[in-house]
Structure formats: structure tokens, C-alpha cells
Amino acid sequence: MKTLPLFGSLLFLLSTASLFGQNANLPDDLLSEDFHAERREALRAKMPNNSVAVIFSNPVRNRANDVNYVYHQDPNFYYLTGHREPHSVLLLFKEKQRIEGKQTDELIVVRQHNALKELYDGARLGKKGAQTDLGFSVAYEGPSFADLPIDFSKFDQVLFYDFQNDVRDTKEKADLYDLIATFKQKVGYPENSSPTLQLEPQQNNLDTKTLDSLMQELRGIKTAEELDLLRKAVKISALGQKEVMKAIRPGMSELEVQGMHEFIYKKYKAEYEGYPSIVGAGHNGCVLHYIENYKPEIEDGELILMDLGAEYHGYTADVTRTIPVNGKFTKEQKIIYDLVYQAQEAGMKVCRDGATFKEIYNATAEVVNQGLLELGIFKSLEKEDMINPATGRNRYYPHGCCHHIGLDVHDKGHYDTLRANMVITIEPGIYIPEGSPCDPKWWDIPVRIEDDFLVTEDGYELLSDAAPRKSEEVEKVMKQPSFFNEVDLPTLGGEE
């Protein structure tokens, strides 16, 4: 048999890998091809007449020198295509168009094959893969986009997200930078300006607002397939919280605690964390989005606030527990913890189809504020006593209590009325940093309890119930052994 040259061999191997199923080793519970096709059809149904929607993949982000961050697809693009590769663009047409002799109401442009790059980075889907694996009858590779005979001026509206001018121009032909530049040229995008901010609607057909509103409508209500993945993400996250409760001890570092959570995620085959893990002990727990997790030794008697979520096949949970590092709440810690628990319970009672996000927040805030007043932490419920003048927020409960979760931890969705099959958090909290205008016995007590809920027609389903919520249950679980306690690694000083 004749031997192929090296480069030809690579091309042959990569092309045959695509033909014979490069996705053979992927999980069997990914979103289906039919799901993505149905989501495109649902978006198309909501689009204005004579319009086209243009959605780009996420850019590749550089970490340092020639190393990039692990790639994460744009959630909208993934939702509509299932494609996980960069340097791609999707076009959805309200009505069928004739493009190069083909009638279609959608097309996708994907990254072109490159044998050498694929040797280093793995096989690319390419045009044929986009057709066979993603289900697009019309697909192109990047360099073809510039020559596609699409007259965008004939559409009443061209729907897209405005650009932030934060995409690198790489050496790769038809990379995302080039695709955006080609699109801008095709639609007459104004140089050095944003159509959202500087142009009146009648001056052109560029619309950078409508698409986001439509995606909020779609993504705010979860389908059965999405709920399957969200349940898994939440269960994994809740089990991580429970296992760490068993394992945690004074003297551990915040990073070690973070690592235990994330080990559980990987053990259950969750690919990523849905957001930077928040593990704050003592005062650090009073920093709402503390992500350094760098305290080398957690002290006996401290609380540790752990806000983490596994991302499973694109869908992320968001679960927070606050526990005493030594396994026993102090008197003051338990009082504040139980107050936050009562606030969450009050919010849960409101949660149902037809309620509003504001109603849930008000239910939690009423419990928190009244409780802090009775404890003497608030002197009164007058604005000057409750509001921190430096932030303009409630001094001890400075954030909202609910948000959508899904493909983003703060997922797209309208924040007005709850509807069945929304998945939301309810997360009241109290944070009393050192120096607060109250008795010092309350200082450095941070508590947040956050759970994930499926909204139903007559109430809710608590998805994260595998993680103990009551203070007594937390203390009970913390007495149980953990397999983490059997891990005994050598020291770095050379001693065995």
C-alpha cells in the first residue's frame, strides 16, 4: 500500500474521523439535535416579519502567551445549535431564502478544517459535521462567509447583539474577528459607532435590542430536556455541599474546601463550575462575590460561606450553604442562621406560577429586617438605620434573593412574573462585617442560604434538597465521616 505524505495522512485521518462519528465518545445525555432545531423554530416564530437573526459564537480568550482559557461556548449559540466550537456564526431567517440555489430558513458557518491545528487541538466538525451532527442542511466553512450572496439590506430588521470590540484578530483565516468584520461590511455597520446608542431606528435596519428580548422569553422557560440536565447539575452541587460538611475541619484552607467541592463535580462528570467558586471563611464571607479563596487556615469558631455550582452539559446550579467550621454554631451564629432560614421559608411560600420576583424578595426582606430589629442589630426600620449610605443598599441584606439559572448562572429570562417551568434561586442572606454599628458579638457573621427551585403551577419543587438546610441538620451531618478524611498526602517539606 502506498504511503501518504505526513500532511496528506493527517488530512485523511481527520476526514475519516468526521465521516465515522467524531462524537462517538460524547455523553449520551447531551441535548438532542431535535432540541436545538425546535429552539431555532421557536425563535423564528417570534421574530418580526422579513427579519434575520445573526448569532456569533464566543471568542477564544487568551490566558497567557500561547495558552488560552478553556473554551466556553456562547450560551445563546449553544442553545440554538449544540455547536461547541469557536469561530462560527448562525443565521436564522424569518422566511425562506434562496442562497446559492438552495431554499433555506437557516444556515451555519463553522470553523474550517486544518490538519496541523487539529493534530494539536483535536478534530473540528467542519461543513459535513455541521450537516450530519448538528442537523443543518445548509452549512459552510468560515472562508465561504465573505462570498455568500446575502443582501442584508432587503430585510426590515437585522437582529444581533451589539459588539464590544473585544475579539482578537488571530492568524487564522475567517476567525471570529474576520467573521464579525465581514458581517459589519455586509450590513453597513457604522464605523466607530453603536447602532444601539447613536442611530435612530429609521436610519438603518440594524436592531441590537429585539434579539435579547426574544432570547429572554425562550430561555426563561425550561423544556423537559433542559430540566433533566438542571436536575443533575443541582443534585451534584447539593451532594458536594453535603460531603464537604462531613469533611471540613479547622485548619483547612479555603482553596482545599473549594477543591473538595469541585472534585465531587468531576466525579459526577460535570465538566465545569458554572461560575467562580465562592468559599469565604469569617470576614471573607461578608464579601458577596469573594473568589480569591486564599485564606491558608480557616480558624476554629468561624463560619464558612460556600457558594458553588456545578455546570453539567452547559447547565449550571447555584447552591450556597454556610456552616460552622468546627461543626457547632455559636449562640449568635445560630440565631442569624435561623433567621436567614426563616426568611427563605417565607420566600418559598410565595413561590408559584403567577407570583412576582418582587413578592418573593419582599417576603424574605420583611423577615430579615424585623428579625434584626428584634435582635437590636437595627435600631429602627427607618431608612437612616437600615440603609448603608456608602452603598445605598440594605446594610445587612444588600442583594436580591432570586434569579434564573440555566445555561448561565444568572440566566436569561424576564424578571417580572413567575411562570411554570422557570428555574430560580431563593437566596436571602445576612452579612455583618467587623465595625458594623451593632454589638460586636454579631461581627463577622455572614450567612447565605441559597437553593434552586422549579416553579410549578401550584407552588415549587425544591431541587437542591440533598444539601441540609436547617441548622440542626447541618450540625448532625457534620458529625458524619467523609472519604475525604482518609486522604493523607505527603508534606512539601520532604518529610514522609
Protein backbone atom coordinates (compact mmCIF):
# COMPACT_ATOMS: atom_id res chain seq x y z
CA MET A 1 0.00 0.00 0.00
CA LYS A 2 1.36 3.37 -0.97
CA THR A 3 2.41 5.57 1.97
CA LEU A 4 0.81 9.01 2.11
CA PRO A 5 2.94 12.06 2.94
CA LEU A 6 2.59 13.25 6.56
CA PHE A 7 0.28 16.20 5.80
CA GLY A 8 -1.87 14.08 3.48
CA SER A 9 -2.09 11.39 6.14
CA LEU A 10 -3.33 13.91 8.65
CA LEU A 11 -6.00 15.16 6.27
CA PHE A 12 -7.10 11.60 5.55
CA LEU A 13 -7.33 10.67 9.23
CA LEU A 14 -9.22 13.80 10.16
CA SER A 15 -11.67 13.49 7.30
CA THR A 16 -12.40 9.87 8.12
CA ALA A 17 -12.81 10.74 11.80
CA SER A 18 -15.52 13.18 10.81
CA LEU A 19 -17.20 10.70 8.47
CA PHE A 20 -17.27 7.89 11.02
CA GLY A 21 -18.53 9.80 14.00
CA GLN A 22 -16.14 12.04 15.92
CA ASN A 23 -18.81 12.32 18.64
CA ALA A 24 -18.86 8.61 19.42
CA ASN A 25 -17.32 9.16 22.86
CA LEU A 26 -19.57 12.02 23.97
CA PRO A 27 -22.06 11.61 26.84
CA ASP A 28 -25.40 10.13 25.84
CA ASP A 29 -27.44 12.74 27.73
CA LEU A 30 -26.42 15.87 25.85
CA LEU A 31 -29.20 17.99 24.45
CA SER A 32 -30.55 16.35 21.32
CA GLU A 33 -30.33 17.61 17.77
CA ASP A 34 -34.12 17.87 17.81
CA PHE A 35 -33.98 20.13 20.88
CA HIS A 36 -31.77 22.67 19.15
CA ALA A 37 -33.82 22.55 15.95
CA GLU A 38 -37.03 23.11 17.93
CA ARG A 39 -35.44 26.06 19.75
CA ARG A 40 -34.48 27.63 16.42
CA GLU A 41 -38.02 27.18 15.22
CA ALA A 42 -39.36 28.74 18.43
CA LEU A 43 -37.11 31.78 17.95
CA ARG A 44 -38.07 32.05 14.30
CA ALA A 45 -41.76 32.08 15.26
CA LYS A 46 -41.17 35.09 17.50
CA MET A 47 -39.04 37.04 15.03
CA PRO A 48 -40.57 40.01 13.15
CA ASN A 49 -41.62 39.51 9.56
CA ASN A 50 -38.88 39.93 6.97
CA SER A 51 -36.08 39.70 9.53
CA VAL A 52 -32.86 37.77 10.01
CA ALA A 53 -31.16 36.91 13.31
CA VAL A 54 -27.38 36.64 13.40
CA ILE A 55 -25.75 34.94 16.40
CA PHE A 56 -22.00 34.54 16.81
CA SER A 57 -20.03 32.01 18.83
CA ASN A 58 -17.98 33.14 21.82
CA PRO A 59 -14.42 34.36 21.25
CA VAL A 60 -11.39 32.41 22.35
CA ARG A 61 -9.81 34.14 25.36
CA ASN A 62 -6.07 34.21 25.93
CA ARG A 63 -4.78 33.23 29.36
CA ALA A 64 -1.07 33.90 28.90
CA ASN A 65 1.34 33.85 25.97
CA ASP A 66 0.33 30.89 23.75
CA VAL A 67 -2.11 29.36 26.24
CA ASN A 68 -5.84 30.08 26.03
CA TYR A 69 -8.55 29.64 28.62
CA VAL A 70 -10.66 26.52 28.25
CA TYR A 71 -13.21 27.42 25.61
CA HIS A 72 -16.80 28.00 26.66
CA GLN A 73 -19.46 28.48 24.02
CA ASP A 74 -21.83 31.45 23.96
CA PRO A 75 -25.00 30.17 25.69
CA ASN A 76 -27.37 31.54 23.03
CA PHE A 77 -25.32 29.98 20.25
CA TYR A 78 -25.18 26.63 22.05
CA TYR A 79 -28.91 26.77 22.85
CA LEU A 80 -29.74 27.18 19.17
CA THR A 81 -27.13 24.91 17.59
CA GLY A 82 -25.48 22.50 20.04
CA HIS A 83 -22.14 23.52 18.48
CA ARG A 84 -19.28 23.79 20.97
CA GLU A 85 -16.52 25.12 18.70
CA PRO A 86 -15.39 28.76 18.25
CA HIS A 87 -15.21 30.92 15.10
CA SER A 88 -18.79 30.24 13.98
CA VAL A 89 -21.94 32.15 13.14
CA LEU A 90 -25.62 31.22 12.80
CA LEU A 91 -28.14 32.93 10.52
CA LEU A 92 -31.87 32.41 11.07
CA PHE A 93 -34.31 33.82 8.52
CA LYS A 94 -37.96 34.50 9.28
CA GLU A 95 -38.92 33.43 5.77
CA LYS A 96 -37.11 31.00 3.48
CA GLN A 97 -34.36 32.45 1.33
CA ARG A 98 -32.72 31.20 -1.84
CA ILE A 99 -28.96 31.04 -1.29
CA GLU A 100 -26.70 29.54 -3.94
CA GLY A 101 -29.63 27.65 -5.40
CA LYS A 102 -30.86 26.28 -2.06
CA GLN A 103 -34.08 27.20 -0.27
CA THR A 104 -33.46 27.55 3.44
CA ASP A 105 -34.52 29.47 6.53
CA GLU A 106 -31.22 28.89 8.35
CA LEU A 107 -27.55 28.32 7.80
CA ILE A 108 -24.46 27.87 9.91
CA VAL A 109 -20.86 28.84 9.25
CA VAL A 110 -18.29 26.79 11.15
CA ARG A 111 -14.54 26.67 11.55
CA GLN A 112 -12.70 25.22 8.55
CA HIS A 113 -10.60 22.07 8.76
CA ASN A 114 -6.88 22.50 9.37
CA ALA A 115 -4.93 19.26 9.65
CA LEU A 116 -1.99 20.64 11.60
CA LYS A 117 -4.15 22.55 14.08
CA GLU A 118 -6.39 19.55 14.53
CA LEU A 119 -3.33 17.45 15.34
CA TYR A 120 -2.71 19.72 18.33
CA ASP A 121 -6.24 20.72 19.32
CA GLY A 122 -8.48 17.91 18.14
CA ALA A 123 -10.81 17.28 15.22
CA ARG A 124 -13.12 20.03 14.02
CA LEU A 125 -16.68 19.46 12.96
CA GLY A 126 -16.39 21.18 9.59
CA LYS A 127 -19.12 21.58 7.00
CA LYS A 128 -20.05 17.89 6.76
CA GLY A 129 -20.10 17.51 10.53
CA ALA A 130 -22.39 20.52 10.84
CA GLN A 131 -24.78 18.79 8.49
CA THR A 132 -24.60 15.26 9.95
CA ASP A 133 -24.08 16.04 13.66
CA LEU A 134 -25.91 19.35 14.07
CA GLY A 135 -28.66 18.77 11.53
CA PHE A 136 -28.13 21.82 9.30
CA SER A 137 -28.96 21.17 5.66
CA VAL A 138 -27.03 24.31 4.66
CA ALA A 139 -23.59 24.74 6.20
CA TYR A 140 -20.39 26.47 5.21
CA GLU A 141 -16.87 26.77 6.49
CA GLY A 142 -15.56 30.17 7.54
CA PRO A 143 -13.82 31.38 4.36
CA SER A 144 -17.08 30.99 2.41
CA PHE A 145 -18.92 33.56 4.54
CA ALA A 146 -17.44 36.56 2.73
CA ASP A 147 -18.70 35.31 -0.63
CA LEU A 148 -22.21 34.31 0.42
CA PRO A 149 -24.70 36.31 -1.70
CA ILE A 150 -26.87 37.56 1.15
CA ASP A 151 -28.31 41.04 0.69
CA PHE A 152 -28.97 42.20 4.26
CA SER A 153 -30.41 45.50 3.02
CA LYS A 154 -33.59 43.77 1.87
CA PHE A 155 -34.56 42.79 5.42
CA ASP A 156 -36.68 45.10 7.54
CA GLN A 157 -34.68 44.12 10.62
CA VAL A 158 -31.27 42.51 11.14
CA LEU A 159 -31.30 41.20 14.70
CA PHE A 160 -28.00 40.74 16.55
CA TYR A 161 -26.15 41.52 19.76
CA ASP A 162 -24.01 44.62 19.50
CA PHE A 163 -20.25 44.17 19.54
CA GLN A 164 -17.92 45.06 22.39
CA ASN A 165 -14.80 45.27 20.21
CA ASP A 166 -13.04 42.73 22.44
CA VAL A 167 -12.26 39.97 19.92
CA ARG A 168 -8.65 39.25 18.99
CA ASP A 169 -7.55 39.12 15.37
CA THR A 170 -5.66 35.82 15.13
CA LYS A 171 -3.61 34.45 12.28
CA GLU A 172 -6.40 32.03 11.38
CA LYS A 173 -8.30 32.84 8.22
CA ALA A 174 -12.01 33.50 8.80
CA ASP A 175 -11.66 33.53 12.57
CA LEU A 176 -14.33 35.22 14.67
CA TYR A 177 -12.66 38.60 14.16
CA ASP A 178 -12.91 38.15 10.40
CA LEU A 179 -16.47 36.84 10.54
CA ILE A 180 -17.57 39.91 12.53
CA ALA A 181 -15.70 42.24 10.17
CA THR A 182 -17.35 40.57 7.16
CA PHE A 183 -20.78 40.85 8.76
CA LYS A 184 -20.24 44.53 9.57
CA GLN A 185 -19.26 45.18 5.97
CA LYS A 186 -22.26 43.28 4.62
CA VAL A 187 -24.81 45.12 6.79
CA GLY A 188 -23.23 48.56 6.62
CA TYR A 189 -22.42 48.69 10.31
CA PRO A 190 -21.41 52.28 11.13
CA GLU A 191 -17.71 52.70 11.67
CA ASN A 192 -16.73 53.61 15.23
CA SER A 193 -20.30 53.73 16.47
CA SER A 194 -23.00 51.60 18.03
CA PRO A 195 -26.38 51.42 16.31
CA THR A 196 -27.98 50.98 19.72
CA LEU A 197 -26.66 54.25 21.07
CA GLN A 198 -26.16 56.59 18.16
CA LEU A 199 -28.57 55.83 15.35
CA GLU A 200 -32.31 56.33 15.09
CA PRO A 201 -34.26 53.20 14.03
CA GLN A 202 -35.34 54.69 10.71
CA GLN A 203 -31.74 55.31 9.65
CA ASN A 204 -31.00 51.63 9.08
CA ASN A 205 -32.36 48.13 9.64
CA LEU A 206 -29.87 47.15 12.38
CA ASP A 207 -31.60 46.07 15.58
CA THR A 208 -29.46 45.25 18.64
CA LYS A 209 -32.30 45.10 21.18
CA THR A 210 -35.02 42.75 19.96
CA LEU A 211 -32.94 39.56 19.84
CA ASP A 212 -32.08 39.71 23.53
CA SER A 213 -35.73 40.21 24.47
CA LEU A 214 -36.73 37.19 22.39
CA MET A 215 -33.99 35.03 23.91
CA GLN A 216 -35.12 36.01 27.40
CA GLU A 217 -38.64 34.80 26.57
CA LEU A 218 -37.33 31.48 25.29
CA ARG A 219 -34.62 30.70 27.83
CA GLY A 220 -36.63 31.77 30.88
CA ILE A 221 -38.99 28.79 30.47
CA LYS A 222 -37.19 25.46 30.57
CA THR A 223 -38.08 22.46 28.43
CA ALA A 224 -38.17 18.87 29.71
CA GLU A 225 -34.71 18.18 28.28
CA GLU A 226 -33.27 21.22 29.99
CA LEU A 227 -34.87 20.27 33.28
CA ASP A 228 -33.22 16.85 33.14
CA LEU A 229 -29.79 18.47 32.92
CA LEU A 230 -30.55 21.11 35.53
CA ARG A 231 -31.71 18.45 37.99
CA LYS A 232 -28.39 16.67 37.56
CA ALA A 233 -26.36 19.87 37.96
CA VAL A 234 -28.25 20.82 41.11
CA LYS A 235 -28.09 17.32 42.62
CA ILE A 236 -24.32 17.17 42.04
CA SER A 237 -23.86 20.58 43.66
CA ALA A 238 -26.04 19.69 46.65
CA LEU A 239 -24.19 16.40 47.17
CA GLY A 240 -20.94 18.36 47.09
CA GLN A 241 -22.20 20.64 49.84
CA LYS A 242 -23.20 17.65 51.96
CA GLU A 243 -19.89 15.84 51.54
CA VAL A 244 -17.88 18.95 52.38
CA MET A 245 -19.96 19.41 55.53
CA LYS A 246 -18.70 15.98 56.64
CA ALA A 247 -15.09 16.67 55.70
CA ILE A 248 -14.38 20.24 56.75
CA ARG A 249 -12.13 20.90 59.74
CA PRO A 250 -10.43 23.95 61.29
CA GLY A 251 -7.00 24.49 59.78
CA MET A 252 -8.03 23.66 56.23
CA SER A 253 -7.52 26.34 53.60
CA GLU A 254 -10.33 27.93 51.60
CA LEU A 255 -8.72 26.51 48.46
CA GLU A 256 -8.84 22.99 49.91
CA VAL A 257 -12.55 23.39 50.62
CA GLN A 258 -13.08 24.66 47.08
CA GLY A 259 -11.16 21.68 45.73
CA MET A 260 -13.34 19.19 47.59
CA HIS A 261 -16.49 20.65 46.04
CA GLU A 262 -15.00 20.65 42.58
CA PHE A 263 -13.71 17.09 42.94
CA ILE A 264 -17.29 15.98 43.54
CA TYR A 265 -18.35 17.82 40.38
CA LYS A 266 -15.76 16.00 38.28
CA LYS A 267 -16.57 12.68 39.93
CA TYR A 268 -20.14 13.03 38.66
CA LYS A 269 -18.87 14.13 35.21
CA ALA A 270 -19.83 17.79 35.46
CA GLU A 271 -17.48 19.50 33.02
CA TYR A 272 -17.04 22.87 34.71
CA GLU A 273 -18.02 25.14 37.54
CA GLY A 274 -20.89 27.37 36.47
CA TYR A 275 -19.13 30.43 37.92
CA PRO A 276 -16.02 31.14 40.04
CA SER A 277 -16.41 29.24 43.30
CA ILE A 278 -17.04 31.42 46.37
CA VAL A 279 -15.56 29.98 49.57
CA GLY A 280 -15.27 32.64 52.27
CA ALA A 281 -14.46 31.99 55.92
CA GLY A 282 -15.08 34.54 58.66
CA HIS A 283 -14.87 38.09 57.35
CA ASN A 284 -14.35 36.84 53.78
CA GLY A 285 -17.91 35.53 53.81
CA CYS A 286 -19.13 39.12 54.11
CA VAL A 287 -17.72 39.84 50.63
CA LEU A 288 -20.63 38.85 48.39
CA HIS A 289 -18.60 37.63 45.41
CA TYR A 290 -15.36 36.70 47.16
CA ILE A 291 -13.50 34.39 44.76
CA GLU A 292 -9.85 34.55 45.88
CA ASN A 293 -10.43 31.64 48.30
CA TYR A 294 -6.90 32.20 49.55
CA LYS A 295 -7.12 32.08 53.33
CA PRO A 296 -4.45 29.49 54.27
CA GLU A 297 -6.01 28.34 57.55
CA ILE A 298 -9.68 28.54 58.47
CA GLU A 299 -9.99 29.28 62.16
CA ASP A 300 -11.88 27.34 64.79
CA GLY A 301 -15.16 29.11 65.55
CA GLU A 302 -15.56 30.72 62.13
CA LEU A 303 -18.42 30.31 59.73
CA ILE A 304 -17.59 29.47 56.14
CA LEU A 305 -19.90 30.55 53.31
CA MET A 306 -19.74 28.22 50.31
CA ASP A 307 -21.49 29.39 47.13
CA LEU A 308 -20.75 26.97 44.30
CA GLY A 309 -22.46 25.37 41.34
CA ALA A 310 -21.61 22.51 39.01
CA GLU A 311 -22.10 23.03 35.29
CA TYR A 312 -23.41 19.85 33.73
CA HIS A 313 -23.58 19.75 29.92
CA GLY A 314 -23.92 23.52 29.83
CA TYR A 315 -26.48 23.93 32.64
CA THR A 316 -25.40 25.32 35.97
CA ALA A 317 -26.67 25.04 39.51
CA ASP A 318 -26.24 27.68 42.21
CA VAL A 319 -26.28 26.35 45.78
CA THR A 320 -25.00 28.10 48.92
CA ARG A 321 -24.55 26.77 52.41
CA THR A 322 -23.00 28.49 55.43
CA ILE A 323 -21.64 26.16 58.11
CA PRO A 324 -19.57 26.35 61.31
CA VAL A 325 -16.07 25.09 60.55
CA ASN A 326 -15.86 23.18 63.85
CA GLY A 327 -19.29 21.59 63.42
CA LYS A 328 -21.18 23.64 66.05
CA PHE A 329 -22.86 27.03 65.64
CA THR A 330 -22.23 29.54 68.39
CA LYS A 331 -25.32 31.07 70.00
CA GLU A 332 -25.11 34.23 67.86
CA GLN A 333 -24.27 32.33 64.67
CA LYS A 334 -27.27 30.05 65.12
CA ILE A 335 -29.60 32.99 65.74
CA ILE A 336 -28.56 34.67 62.49
CA TYR A 337 -28.55 31.39 60.56
CA ASP A 338 -32.05 30.50 61.72
CA LEU A 339 -33.27 33.98 60.83
CA VAL A 340 -31.99 33.56 57.25
CA TYR A 341 -33.60 30.11 57.14
CA GLN A 342 -36.93 31.60 58.23
CA ALA A 343 -36.59 34.28 55.55
CA GLN A 344 -36.01 31.65 52.89
CA GLU A 345 -39.02 29.68 54.11
CA ALA A 346 -41.13 32.84 53.80
CA GLY A 347 -39.94 33.35 50.24
CA MET A 348 -40.68 29.73 49.36
CA LYS A 349 -44.29 30.14 50.48
CA VAL A 350 -44.76 32.87 47.88
CA CYS A 351 -43.09 30.94 45.04
CA ARG A 352 -45.63 29.75 42.46
CA ASP A 353 -46.84 30.44 38.94
CA GLY A 354 -48.24 33.99 38.84
CA ALA A 355 -46.25 35.37 41.78
CA THR A 356 -43.62 38.04 41.15
CA PHE A 357 -39.91 38.16 41.88
CA LYS A 358 -40.55 41.27 43.94
CA GLU A 359 -43.09 39.48 46.12
CA ILE A 360 -40.55 36.80 46.99
CA TYR A 361 -37.91 39.38 47.84
CA ASN A 362 -40.35 41.37 49.98
CA ALA A 363 -41.30 38.24 51.92
CA THR A 364 -37.66 37.49 52.72
CA ALA A 365 -36.75 41.11 53.49
CA GLU A 366 -39.65 41.50 55.91
CA VAL A 367 -38.42 38.54 57.97
CA VAL A 368 -34.79 39.68 57.89
CA ASN A 369 -35.50 43.31 58.79
CA GLN A 370 -37.98 42.53 61.55
CA GLY A 371 -35.65 39.91 62.98
CA LEU A 372 -32.67 42.25 63.01
CA LEU A 373 -34.82 44.88 64.73
CA GLU A 374 -35.85 42.44 67.46
CA LEU A 375 -32.21 41.48 68.00
CA GLY A 376 -31.23 45.15 68.36
CA ILE A 377 -28.96 44.99 65.32
CA PHE A 378 -31.25 47.53 63.62
CA LYS A 379 -32.18 50.40 65.90
CA SER A 380 -35.32 51.03 63.85
CA LEU A 381 -36.78 50.26 60.46
CA GLU A 382 -36.30 53.83 59.33
CA LYS A 383 -34.25 54.35 56.19
CA GLU A 384 -31.37 56.04 58.01
CA ASP A 385 -30.90 52.97 60.21
CA MET A 386 -31.39 50.28 57.54
CA ILE A 387 -29.57 51.72 54.54
CA ASN A 388 -25.80 51.86 54.26
CA PRO A 389 -25.14 55.38 52.92
CA ALA A 390 -21.94 54.23 51.19
CA THR A 391 -23.73 51.62 49.06
CA GLY A 392 -27.34 52.73 49.04
CA ARG A 393 -28.34 49.16 49.93
CA ASN A 394 -29.79 47.45 52.98
CA ARG A 395 -26.89 47.40 55.41
CA TYR A 396 -27.07 43.68 56.19
CA TYR A 397 -29.13 42.25 53.30
CA PRO A 398 -27.70 44.14 50.33
CA HIS A 399 -28.70 41.92 47.40
CA GLY A 400 -31.77 40.49 45.70
CA CYS A 401 -32.94 36.99 46.51
CA CYS A 402 -33.91 35.43 43.18
CA HIS A 403 -32.52 34.90 39.71
CA HIS A 404 -32.99 32.47 36.84
CA ILE A 405 -30.49 29.64 36.40
CA GLY A 406 -29.84 27.61 33.27
CA LEU A 407 -27.16 27.99 30.63
CA ASP A 408 -25.93 30.96 32.68
CA VAL A 409 -25.84 31.12 36.45
CA HIS A 410 -27.75 34.39 36.12
CA ASP A 411 -29.73 33.06 33.21
CA LYS A 412 -31.73 34.94 30.66
CA GLY A 413 -35.38 35.41 31.50
CA HIS A 414 -37.80 38.19 32.34
CA TYR A 415 -37.76 39.32 35.96
CA ASP A 416 -41.38 40.14 36.49
CA THR A 417 -43.91 37.32 36.88
CA LEU A 418 -43.01 33.73 37.66
CA ARG A 419 -44.20 31.10 35.20
CA ALA A 420 -44.32 27.32 35.45
CA ASN A 421 -41.05 25.67 34.38
CA MET A 422 -38.88 28.60 35.32
CA VAL A 423 -35.95 27.55 37.50
CA ILE A 424 -34.88 30.17 40.01
CA THR A 425 -32.87 30.62 43.18
CA ILE A 426 -34.16 31.89 46.51
CA GLU A 427 -31.15 33.16 48.46
CA PRO A 428 -31.66 35.51 51.40
CA GLY A 429 -28.59 36.48 53.37
CA ILE A 430 -27.33 38.48 56.33
CA TYR A 431 -23.76 39.79 56.44
CA ILE A 432 -22.44 41.66 59.47
CA PRO A 433 -18.82 42.69 58.91
CA GLU A 434 -16.49 43.87 61.62
CA GLY A 435 -17.08 47.51 62.51
CA SER A 436 -20.81 47.41 61.85
CA PRO A 437 -22.95 49.75 64.04
CA CYS A 438 -24.18 46.98 66.33
CA ASP A 439 -22.96 44.92 69.27
CA PRO A 440 -19.55 43.40 68.33
CA LYS A 441 -20.79 39.94 69.27
CA TRP A 442 -22.52 39.91 65.88
CA TRP A 443 -19.46 40.95 63.87
CA ASP A 444 -18.06 38.69 61.15
CA ILE A 445 -21.20 36.59 60.93
CA PRO A 446 -22.04 36.01 57.24
CA VAL A 447 -24.93 33.72 56.34
CA ARG A 448 -26.44 32.95 52.95
CA ILE A 449 -28.71 30.01 52.24
CA GLU A 450 -29.36 29.51 48.54
CA ASP A 451 -31.44 26.83 46.90
CA ASP A 452 -32.71 26.10 43.41
CA PHE A 453 -36.43 25.80 42.69
CA LEU A 454 -38.55 24.65 39.79
CA VAL A 455 -41.64 26.85 39.63
CA THR A 456 -44.84 24.84 39.21
CA GLU A 457 -48.45 25.84 38.64
CA ASP A 458 -49.36 25.45 42.30
CA GLY A 459 -46.02 26.03 44.02
CA TYR A 460 -42.48 24.79 43.58
CA GLU A 461 -40.15 21.82 43.63
CA LEU A 462 -37.03 22.19 45.76
CA LEU A 463 -34.29 20.76 43.55
CA SER A 464 -31.37 21.13 45.98
CA ASP A 465 -32.87 19.31 48.95
CA ALA A 466 -29.93 16.86 49.10
CA ALA A 467 -27.96 19.60 50.92
CA PRO A 468 -29.13 20.05 54.54
CA ARG A 469 -30.73 23.43 55.24
CA LYS A 470 -31.76 23.51 58.92
CA SER A 471 -29.06 24.40 61.43
CA GLU A 472 -29.70 21.20 63.40
CA GLU A 473 -29.42 19.09 60.24
CA VAL A 474 -26.16 20.80 59.30
CA GLU A 475 -24.62 20.04 62.69
CA LYS A 476 -25.82 16.44 62.51
CA VAL A 477 -24.31 15.83 59.07
CA MET A 478 -21.03 17.44 60.11
CA LYS A 479 -20.54 14.67 62.67
CA GLN A 480 -20.53 12.02 59.94
CA PRO A 481 -17.27 10.70 58.42
CA SER A 482 -16.20 11.60 54.89
CA PHE A 483 -13.97 9.74 52.46
CA PHE A 484 -12.00 12.98 52.17
CA ASN A 485 -10.79 12.43 55.73
CA GLU A 486 -8.93 9.32 54.54
CA VAL A 487 -6.76 11.34 52.15
CA ASP A 488 -3.25 11.65 53.58
CA LEU A 489 -0.79 13.38 51.28
CA PRO A 490 2.94 13.86 51.97
CA THR A 491 4.14 17.30 53.02
CA LEU A 492 6.03 19.50 50.61
CA GLY A 493 8.93 19.81 53.05
CA GLY A 494 10.21 16.36 52.13
CA GLU A 495 9.08 14.60 55.29
CA GLU A 496 7.12 11.41 54.88
